[in-house]
Amino acid sequence: MIPSLEHVFFIPAVLLVGLAIGFRLGAKAARDELEKERRRRLE
């Protein structure tokens, strides 16, 4: 069974959007954690 042309573009596009969202959320969590650690060291 050959996937339709829409699936060939849609599935990778959805994966890329998910990857971008995950990267953004992960980067924000990492920055927040580093800031929390820095504040803890200054106290």
N, C-alpha and C. Protein backbone atom coordinates (compact mmCIF):
# COMPACT_ATOMS: atom_id res chain seq x y z
N MET A 1 0.84 -1.18 0.00
CA MET A 1 0.00 0.00 0.00
C MET A 1 0.89 1.25 0.00
N ILE A 2 0.72 2.09 -0.98
CA ILE A 2 1.53 3.30 -1.12
C ILE A 2 0.81 4.46 -0.41
N PRO A 3 1.51 5.17 0.50
CA PRO A 3 0.86 6.31 1.17
C PRO A 3 0.62 7.44 0.18
N SER A 4 -0.43 8.18 0.45
CA SER A 4 -0.75 9.30 -0.44
C SER A 4 0.28 10.41 -0.29
N LEU A 5 0.29 11.31 -1.22
CA LEU A 5 1.26 12.40 -1.22
C LEU A 5 1.07 13.30 0.00
N GLU A 6 -0.17 13.45 0.46
CA GLU A 6 -0.42 14.28 1.64
C GLU A 6 0.29 13.71 2.87
N HIS A 7 0.27 12.38 3.00
CA HIS A 7 0.93 11.77 4.15
C HIS A 7 2.44 11.94 4.10
N VAL A 8 2.99 11.92 2.89
CA VAL A 8 4.44 12.07 2.74
C VAL A 8 4.90 13.41 3.29
N PHE A 9 4.08 14.45 3.16
CA PHE A 9 4.44 15.77 3.68
C PHE A 9 3.89 16.02 5.07
N PHE A 10 2.71 15.52 5.36
CA PHE A 10 2.04 15.83 6.63
C PHE A 10 2.75 15.19 7.82
N ILE A 11 3.10 13.92 7.72
CA ILE A 11 3.70 13.22 8.86
C ILE A 11 5.04 13.84 9.25
N PRO A 12 5.98 14.07 8.34
CA PRO A 12 7.22 14.74 8.74
C PRO A 12 6.99 16.15 9.27
N ALA A 13 6.00 16.86 8.72
CA ALA A 13 5.72 18.21 9.20
C ALA A 13 5.25 18.17 10.65
N VAL A 14 4.39 17.23 10.99
CA VAL A 14 3.90 17.09 12.36
C VAL A 14 5.07 16.71 13.29
N LEU A 15 5.93 15.83 12.84
CA LEU A 15 7.08 15.45 13.65
C LEU A 15 8.01 16.64 13.89
N LEU A 16 8.23 17.45 12.87
CA LEU A 16 9.09 18.62 13.03
C LEU A 16 8.48 19.65 13.97
N VAL A 17 7.17 19.84 13.88
CA VAL A 17 6.50 20.78 14.79
C VAL A 17 6.63 20.27 16.23
N GLY A 18 6.41 18.99 16.43
CA GLY A 18 6.57 18.41 17.77
C GLY A 18 7.98 18.53 18.28
N LEU A 19 8.94 18.33 17.41
CA LEU A 19 10.35 18.47 17.80
C LEU A 19 10.66 19.90 18.19
N ALA A 20 10.15 20.87 17.44
CA ALA A 20 10.39 22.28 17.74
C ALA A 20 9.75 22.67 19.08
N ILE A 21 8.53 22.21 19.32
CA ILE A 21 7.86 22.52 20.59
C ILE A 21 8.61 21.88 21.75
N GLY A 22 9.00 20.64 21.59
CA GLY A 22 9.76 19.96 22.64
C GLY A 22 11.09 20.63 22.92
N PHE A 23 11.75 21.09 21.87
CA PHE A 23 13.03 21.77 22.06
C PHE A 23 12.84 23.07 22.83
N ARG A 24 11.79 23.82 22.47
CA ARG A 24 11.51 25.09 23.17
C ARG A 24 11.21 24.85 24.65
N LEU A 25 10.35 23.88 24.93
CA LEU A 25 9.98 23.62 26.32
C LEU A 25 11.17 23.08 27.11
N GLY A 26 11.97 22.23 26.49
CA GLY A 26 13.15 21.69 27.16
C GLY A 26 14.18 22.77 27.44
N ALA A 27 14.38 23.66 26.49
CA ALA A 27 15.35 24.74 26.68
C ALA A 27 14.89 25.68 27.79
N LYS A 28 13.59 25.96 27.85
CA LYS A 28 13.07 26.82 28.90
C LYS A 28 13.23 26.16 30.27
N ALA A 29 12.96 24.88 30.34
CA ALA A 29 13.12 24.16 31.61
C ALA A 29 14.58 24.15 32.05
N ALA A 30 15.49 23.98 31.11
CA ALA A 30 16.91 23.98 31.44
C ALA A 30 17.36 25.35 31.93
N ARG A 31 16.89 26.43 31.26
CA ARG A 31 17.24 27.78 31.71
C ARG A 31 16.69 28.05 33.10
N ASP A 32 15.45 27.65 33.35
CA ASP A 32 14.85 27.85 34.67
C ASP A 32 15.63 27.10 35.75
N GLU A 33 16.05 25.89 35.44
CA GLU A 33 16.81 25.09 36.41
C GLU A 33 18.17 25.73 36.69
N LEU A 34 18.84 26.23 35.66
CA LEU A 34 20.13 26.89 35.86
C LEU A 34 19.97 28.16 36.68
N GLU A 35 18.91 28.91 36.42
CA GLU A 35 18.65 30.13 37.20
C GLU A 35 18.37 29.81 38.66
N LYS A 36 17.62 28.76 38.89
CA LYS A 36 17.32 28.35 40.27
C LYS A 36 18.60 27.93 41.00
N GLU A 37 19.46 27.20 40.29
CA GLU A 37 20.73 26.77 40.89
C GLU A 37 21.62 27.99 41.19
N ARG A 38 21.64 28.96 40.26
CA ARG A 38 22.46 30.16 40.48
C ARG A 38 21.96 30.95 41.68
N ARG A 39 20.65 31.07 41.79
CA ARG A 39 20.09 31.80 42.96
C ARG A 39 20.40 31.09 44.26
N ARG A 40 20.35 29.75 44.23
CA ARG A 40 20.62 28.99 45.43
C ARG A 40 22.08 29.16 45.88
N ARG A 41 22.99 29.24 44.92
CA ARG A 41 24.41 29.43 45.25
C ARG A 41 24.69 30.81 45.80
N LEU A 42 23.92 31.82 45.37
CA LEU A 42 24.17 33.18 45.83
C LEU A 42 23.66 33.41 47.25
N GLU A 43 22.74 32.58 47.69
CA GLU A 43 22.17 32.77 49.05
C GLU A 43 23.13 32.32 50.13
